[in-house]
Amino acid sequence: MAQFRSKTLDISCFINARNIRDHTKRKVFAEYESERQALRYITRNTTLPQRMRAQAHLQLSQMHCYTRFTQIKNRCIMGGRGRGVFSDFKMARYQFRVQALAGNVPGVKKASW
């Protein structure tokens, strides 16, 4: 992880270390996505020689884990919670409720019928 950590990081918009780590994972994934897709294509292409496919597979397995899509997790921007996050608002259930009742979420109001 230290190899991907930037020298200067604006942490004013993050609440805790989990959000900083997730932000780093997203940046690294975006940077290496095209390279990873090319290697995956080579490993799955059966018309290519076996040796080339094996080399691509080896390179793919030696890439850092932050380059994988599965490492990215939706987290609440308010508290860093990883479960119960509404992806449209990037907030956990409880924080969404608190912010909506306070009127801080535009276009959302309490239902009554």
N, C-alpha and C. Protein backbone atom coordinates (compact mmCIF):
# COMPACT_ATOMS: atom_id res chain seq x y z
N MET A 1 0.81 -1.18 0.00
CA MET A 1 0.00 0.00 0.00
C MET A 1 0.86 1.25 0.00
N ALA A 2 2.00 1.20 0.62
CA ALA A 2 2.86 2.37 0.70
C ALA A 2 3.33 2.82 -0.68
N GLN A 3 3.42 1.90 -1.63
CA GLN A 3 3.89 2.28 -2.95
C GLN A 3 2.86 3.13 -3.68
N PHE A 4 1.60 3.07 -3.28
CA PHE A 4 0.55 3.84 -3.93
C PHE A 4 0.17 5.09 -3.15
N ARG A 5 0.69 5.25 -1.96
CA ARG A 5 0.33 6.40 -1.15
C ARG A 5 1.03 7.65 -1.69
N SER A 6 0.26 8.70 -1.89
CA SER A 6 0.85 9.91 -2.45
C SER A 6 1.56 10.71 -1.36
N LYS A 7 2.47 11.56 -1.79
CA LYS A 7 3.25 12.34 -0.84
C LYS A 7 2.37 13.38 -0.14
N THR A 8 1.53 14.05 -0.92
CA THR A 8 0.61 15.01 -0.33
C THR A 8 -0.80 14.52 -0.60
N LEU A 9 -1.58 14.41 0.46
CA LEU A 9 -2.95 13.90 0.34
C LEU A 9 -3.88 14.88 1.02
N ASP A 10 -4.84 15.37 0.28
CA ASP A 10 -5.82 16.28 0.85
C ASP A 10 -6.83 15.45 1.61
N ILE A 11 -6.69 15.40 2.92
CA ILE A 11 -7.58 14.56 3.72
C ILE A 11 -8.71 15.37 4.35
N SER A 12 -8.91 16.58 3.90
CA SER A 12 -9.95 17.40 4.48
C SER A 12 -11.34 16.88 4.15
N CYS A 13 -11.48 16.14 3.06
CA CYS A 13 -12.80 15.65 2.68
C CYS A 13 -13.08 14.24 3.22
N PHE A 14 -12.13 13.62 3.91
CA PHE A 14 -12.33 12.27 4.42
C PHE A 14 -12.52 12.28 5.93
N ILE A 15 -13.28 11.31 6.41
CA ILE A 15 -13.57 11.22 7.83
C ILE A 15 -12.55 10.35 8.55
N ASN A 16 -12.24 9.18 7.99
CA ASN A 16 -11.35 8.27 8.69
C ASN A 16 -10.43 7.54 7.72
N ALA A 17 -9.60 6.69 8.28
CA ALA A 17 -8.58 6.01 7.48
C ALA A 17 -9.18 5.06 6.46
N ARG A 18 -10.32 4.47 6.77
CA ARG A 18 -10.96 3.55 5.81
C ARG A 18 -11.34 4.27 4.52
N ASN A 19 -11.85 5.48 4.66
CA ASN A 19 -12.22 6.25 3.46
C ASN A 19 -10.99 6.66 2.66
N ILE A 20 -9.90 6.98 3.35
CA ILE A 20 -8.66 7.31 2.66
C ILE A 20 -8.15 6.11 1.89
N ARG A 21 -8.19 4.93 2.53
CA ARG A 21 -7.73 3.71 1.88
C ARG A 21 -8.61 3.36 0.67
N ASP A 22 -9.92 3.52 0.81
CA ASP A 22 -10.81 3.23 -0.30
C ASP A 22 -10.58 4.20 -1.45
N HIS A 23 -10.32 5.46 -1.14
CA HIS A 23 -10.02 6.44 -2.18
C HIS A 23 -8.74 6.06 -2.93
N THR A 24 -7.73 5.60 -2.18
CA THR A 24 -6.48 5.16 -2.80
C THR A 24 -6.74 3.97 -3.71
N LYS A 25 -7.55 3.01 -3.25
CA LYS A 25 -7.86 1.84 -4.07
C LYS A 25 -8.55 2.23 -5.36
N ARG A 26 -9.46 3.18 -5.28
CA ARG A 26 -10.17 3.62 -6.48
C ARG A 26 -9.22 4.28 -7.49
N LYS A 27 -8.31 5.10 -6.99
CA LYS A 27 -7.34 5.75 -7.89
C LYS A 27 -6.42 4.73 -8.54
N VAL A 28 -5.94 3.77 -7.77
CA VAL A 28 -5.02 2.75 -8.31
C VAL A 28 -5.75 1.88 -9.32
N PHE A 29 -7.00 1.51 -9.02
CA PHE A 29 -7.77 0.69 -9.95
C PHE A 29 -7.97 1.42 -11.28
N ALA A 30 -8.32 2.69 -11.22
CA ALA A 30 -8.52 3.47 -12.44
C ALA A 30 -7.24 3.59 -13.26
N GLU A 31 -6.11 3.68 -12.57
CA GLU A 31 -4.82 3.82 -13.26
C GLU A 31 -4.42 2.55 -13.99
N TYR A 32 -4.66 1.39 -13.38
CA TYR A 32 -4.20 0.12 -13.93
C TYR A 32 -5.28 -0.68 -14.64
N GLU A 33 -6.47 -0.14 -14.81
CA GLU A 33 -7.58 -0.90 -15.37
C GLU A 33 -7.31 -1.37 -16.80
N SER A 34 -6.81 -0.50 -17.65
CA SER A 34 -6.58 -0.89 -19.05
C SER A 34 -5.51 -1.97 -19.18
N GLU A 35 -4.45 -1.84 -18.39
CA GLU A 35 -3.38 -2.85 -18.42
C GLU A 35 -3.91 -4.20 -17.94
N ARG A 36 -4.71 -4.16 -16.91
CA ARG A 36 -5.28 -5.40 -16.36
C ARG A 36 -6.24 -6.06 -17.35
N GLN A 37 -7.04 -5.26 -18.03
CA GLN A 37 -7.96 -5.81 -19.02
C GLN A 37 -7.21 -6.44 -20.18
N ALA A 38 -6.12 -5.82 -20.61
CA ALA A 38 -5.33 -6.38 -21.71
C ALA A 38 -4.73 -7.73 -21.31
N LEU A 39 -4.20 -7.81 -20.10
CA LEU A 39 -3.63 -9.08 -19.64
C LEU A 39 -4.71 -10.16 -19.50
N ARG A 40 -5.87 -9.77 -19.03
CA ARG A 40 -6.97 -10.75 -18.91
C ARG A 40 -7.41 -11.24 -20.28
N TYR A 41 -7.42 -10.34 -21.27
CA TYR A 41 -7.78 -10.75 -22.62
C TYR A 41 -6.77 -11.76 -23.16
N ILE A 42 -5.50 -11.50 -22.93
CA ILE A 42 -4.45 -12.41 -23.42
C ILE A 42 -4.57 -13.77 -22.76
N THR A 43 -4.81 -13.81 -21.46
CA THR A 43 -4.88 -15.10 -20.76
C THR A 43 -6.09 -15.91 -21.20
N ARG A 44 -7.16 -15.26 -21.62
CA ARG A 44 -8.38 -15.98 -22.01
C ARG A 44 -8.46 -16.30 -23.49
N ASN A 45 -7.57 -15.73 -24.29
CA ASN A 45 -7.58 -15.96 -25.73
C ASN A 45 -6.90 -17.30 -26.04
N THR A 46 -7.68 -18.27 -26.46
CA THR A 46 -7.14 -19.61 -26.69
C THR A 46 -6.39 -19.73 -28.00
N THR A 47 -6.49 -18.74 -28.89
CA THR A 47 -5.77 -18.81 -30.16
C THR A 47 -4.30 -18.41 -30.00
N LEU A 48 -3.97 -17.77 -28.92
CA LEU A 48 -2.57 -17.37 -28.68
C LEU A 48 -1.76 -18.55 -28.16
N PRO A 49 -0.43 -18.50 -28.31
CA PRO A 49 0.42 -19.57 -27.79
C PRO A 49 0.31 -19.70 -26.26
N GLN A 50 0.46 -20.92 -25.80
CA GLN A 50 0.33 -21.21 -24.37
C GLN A 50 1.37 -20.45 -23.54
N ARG A 51 2.57 -20.32 -24.08
CA ARG A 51 3.63 -19.63 -23.34
C ARG A 51 3.29 -18.15 -23.10
N MET A 52 2.76 -17.50 -24.12
CA MET A 52 2.37 -16.10 -23.99
C MET A 52 1.24 -15.94 -22.99
N ARG A 53 0.29 -16.85 -23.03
CA ARG A 53 -0.82 -16.81 -22.09
C ARG A 53 -0.34 -17.03 -20.65
N ALA A 54 0.62 -17.92 -20.48
CA ALA A 54 1.16 -18.19 -19.14
C ALA A 54 1.93 -16.97 -18.60
N GLN A 55 2.69 -16.30 -19.47
CA GLN A 55 3.40 -15.11 -19.04
C GLN A 55 2.43 -13.99 -18.63
N ALA A 56 1.36 -13.84 -19.40
CA ALA A 56 0.35 -12.82 -19.07
C ALA A 56 -0.32 -13.15 -17.75
N HIS A 57 -0.59 -14.44 -17.54
CA HIS A 57 -1.21 -14.86 -16.28
C HIS A 57 -0.28 -14.60 -15.10
N LEU A 58 0.99 -14.82 -15.29
CA LEU A 58 1.97 -14.57 -14.23
C LEU A 58 2.05 -13.08 -13.91
N GLN A 59 2.07 -12.24 -14.95
CA GLN A 59 2.08 -10.79 -14.73
C GLN A 59 0.82 -10.34 -14.01
N LEU A 60 -0.29 -10.93 -14.38
CA LEU A 60 -1.57 -10.58 -13.77
C LEU A 60 -1.60 -10.96 -12.30
N SER A 61 -1.04 -12.10 -11.98
CA SER A 61 -1.05 -12.55 -10.58
C SER A 61 -0.05 -11.77 -9.72
N GLN A 62 0.95 -11.16 -10.35
CA GLN A 62 1.94 -10.39 -9.59
C GLN A 62 1.55 -8.93 -9.41
N MET A 63 0.46 -8.51 -10.04
CA MET A 63 0.01 -7.13 -9.86
C MET A 63 -0.52 -6.94 -8.44
N HIS A 64 -0.45 -5.72 -7.96
CA HIS A 64 -0.89 -5.42 -6.60
C HIS A 64 -2.40 -5.67 -6.46
N CYS A 65 -2.83 -6.04 -5.27
CA CYS A 65 -4.24 -6.36 -5.06
C CYS A 65 -5.14 -5.13 -5.21
N TYR A 66 -4.60 -3.93 -5.05
CA TYR A 66 -5.42 -2.73 -5.20
C TYR A 66 -5.83 -2.49 -6.64
N THR A 67 -5.25 -3.21 -7.59
CA THR A 67 -5.62 -3.04 -8.99
C THR A 67 -6.86 -3.84 -9.34
N ARG A 68 -7.37 -4.64 -8.39
CA ARG A 68 -8.56 -5.45 -8.64
C ARG A 68 -9.82 -4.66 -8.32
N PHE A 69 -10.86 -4.93 -9.10
CA PHE A 69 -12.14 -4.26 -8.89
C PHE A 69 -12.79 -4.71 -7.59
N THR A 70 -12.54 -5.93 -7.17
CA THR A 70 -13.19 -6.45 -5.97
C THR A 70 -12.70 -5.78 -4.70
N GLN A 71 -11.60 -5.03 -4.76
CA GLN A 71 -11.09 -4.35 -3.58
C GLN A 71 -11.89 -3.08 -3.27
N ILE A 72 -12.61 -2.57 -4.25
CA ILE A 72 -13.36 -1.33 -4.06
C ILE A 72 -14.65 -1.63 -3.32
N LYS A 73 -14.93 -0.83 -2.30
CA LYS A 73 -16.13 -1.01 -1.50
C LYS A 73 -16.80 0.35 -1.32
N ASN A 74 -18.12 0.37 -1.45
CA ASN A 74 -18.85 1.61 -1.21
C ASN A 74 -18.85 1.91 0.28
N ARG A 75 -18.42 3.09 0.65
CA ARG A 75 -18.37 3.50 2.06
C ARG A 75 -19.13 4.80 2.24
N CYS A 76 -19.65 4.97 3.44
CA CYS A 76 -20.37 6.18 3.79
C CYS A 76 -19.38 7.35 3.88
N ILE A 77 -19.71 8.45 3.22
CA ILE A 77 -18.81 9.60 3.25
C ILE A 77 -18.89 10.34 4.58
N MET A 78 -19.92 10.08 5.33
CA MET A 78 -20.09 10.76 6.62
C MET A 78 -19.36 10.03 7.75
N GLY A 79 -19.47 8.70 7.78
CA GLY A 79 -18.91 7.98 8.91
C GLY A 79 -17.97 6.85 8.55
N GLY A 80 -17.85 6.52 7.28
CA GLY A 80 -16.95 5.46 6.86
C GLY A 80 -17.53 4.07 6.95
N ARG A 81 -18.81 3.95 7.26
CA ARG A 81 -19.44 2.64 7.40
C ARG A 81 -19.48 1.94 6.05
N GLY A 82 -19.26 0.62 6.06
CA GLY A 82 -19.19 -0.14 4.83
C GLY A 82 -20.45 -0.92 4.50
N ARG A 83 -21.38 -0.99 5.44
CA ARG A 83 -22.62 -1.74 5.19
C ARG A 83 -23.81 -0.79 5.18
N GLY A 84 -24.82 -1.18 4.43
CA GLY A 84 -26.04 -0.38 4.38
C GLY A 84 -25.82 0.98 3.76
N VAL A 85 -25.02 1.04 2.70
CA VAL A 85 -24.71 2.31 2.05
C VAL A 85 -25.57 2.46 0.81
N PHE A 86 -26.28 3.58 0.71
CA PHE A 86 -27.04 3.90 -0.50
C PHE A 86 -26.05 4.47 -1.51
N SER A 87 -25.87 3.78 -2.62
CA SER A 87 -24.85 4.19 -3.58
C SER A 87 -25.20 5.51 -4.26
N ASP A 88 -26.50 5.83 -4.38
CA ASP A 88 -26.88 7.09 -5.01
C ASP A 88 -26.45 8.30 -4.19
N PHE A 89 -26.48 8.14 -2.87
CA PHE A 89 -26.16 9.26 -1.98
C PHE A 89 -24.81 9.09 -1.28
N LYS A 90 -24.19 7.91 -1.39
CA LYS A 90 -22.91 7.59 -0.74
C LYS A 90 -22.99 7.80 0.77
N MET A 91 -24.15 7.42 1.33
CA MET A 91 -24.34 7.55 2.77
C MET A 91 -24.95 6.26 3.33
N ALA A 92 -24.60 5.97 4.57
CA ALA A 92 -25.18 4.82 5.25
C ALA A 92 -26.64 5.14 5.59
N ARG A 93 -27.39 4.09 5.92
CA ARG A 93 -28.82 4.25 6.18
C ARG A 93 -29.10 5.29 7.25
N TYR A 94 -28.42 5.19 8.37
CA TYR A 94 -28.69 6.09 9.49
C TYR A 94 -28.30 7.53 9.15
N GLN A 95 -27.15 7.71 8.56
CA GLN A 95 -26.71 9.05 8.18
C GLN A 95 -27.66 9.66 7.15
N PHE A 96 -28.14 8.81 6.23
CA PHE A 96 -29.09 9.30 5.23
C PHE A 96 -30.36 9.79 5.91
N ARG A 97 -30.83 9.03 6.89
CA ARG A 97 -32.05 9.41 7.61
C ARG A 97 -31.85 10.72 8.35
N VAL A 98 -30.74 10.85 9.04
CA VAL A 98 -30.46 12.06 9.81
C VAL A 98 -30.37 13.27 8.88
N GLN A 99 -29.64 13.13 7.79
CA GLN A 99 -29.46 14.24 6.86
C GLN A 99 -30.76 14.59 6.14
N ALA A 100 -31.57 13.58 5.79
CA ALA A 100 -32.83 13.84 5.10
C ALA A 100 -33.82 14.55 6.03
N LEU A 101 -33.88 14.13 7.29
CA LEU A 101 -34.78 14.78 8.23
C LEU A 101 -34.34 16.22 8.51
N ALA A 102 -33.04 16.48 8.44
CA ALA A 102 -32.54 17.84 8.64
C ALA A 102 -32.72 18.70 7.39
N GLY A 103 -33.09 18.06 6.27
CA GLY A 103 -33.30 18.80 5.03
C GLY A 103 -32.03 19.06 4.25
N ASN A 104 -30.98 18.30 4.52
CA ASN A 104 -29.70 18.51 3.84
C ASN A 104 -29.55 17.72 2.55
N VAL A 105 -30.48 16.80 2.27
CA VAL A 105 -30.42 16.00 1.05
C VAL A 105 -31.47 16.56 0.09
N PRO A 106 -31.04 17.17 -1.02
CA PRO A 106 -32.00 17.78 -1.93
C PRO A 106 -32.88 16.74 -2.63
N GLY A 107 -34.16 17.06 -2.74
CA GLY A 107 -35.10 16.19 -3.42
C GLY A 107 -35.63 15.04 -2.60
N VAL A 108 -35.33 15.01 -1.31
CA VAL A 108 -35.79 13.94 -0.45
C VAL A 108 -36.61 14.55 0.68
N LYS A 109 -37.80 13.98 0.88
CA LYS A 109 -38.60 14.42 2.02
C LYS A 109 -39.28 13.21 2.64
N LYS A 110 -39.72 13.37 3.85
CA LYS A 110 -40.33 12.27 4.59
C LYS A 110 -41.68 11.95 3.96
N ALA A 111 -41.91 10.66 3.77
CA ALA A 111 -43.17 10.23 3.15
C ALA A 111 -44.29 10.27 4.20
N SER A 112 -45.47 10.68 3.76
CA SER A 112 -46.65 10.64 4.62
C SER A 112 -47.87 10.43 3.73
N TRP A 113 -48.68 9.49 4.13
CA TRP A 113 -49.89 9.22 3.36
C TRP A 113 -51.03 8.82 4.24
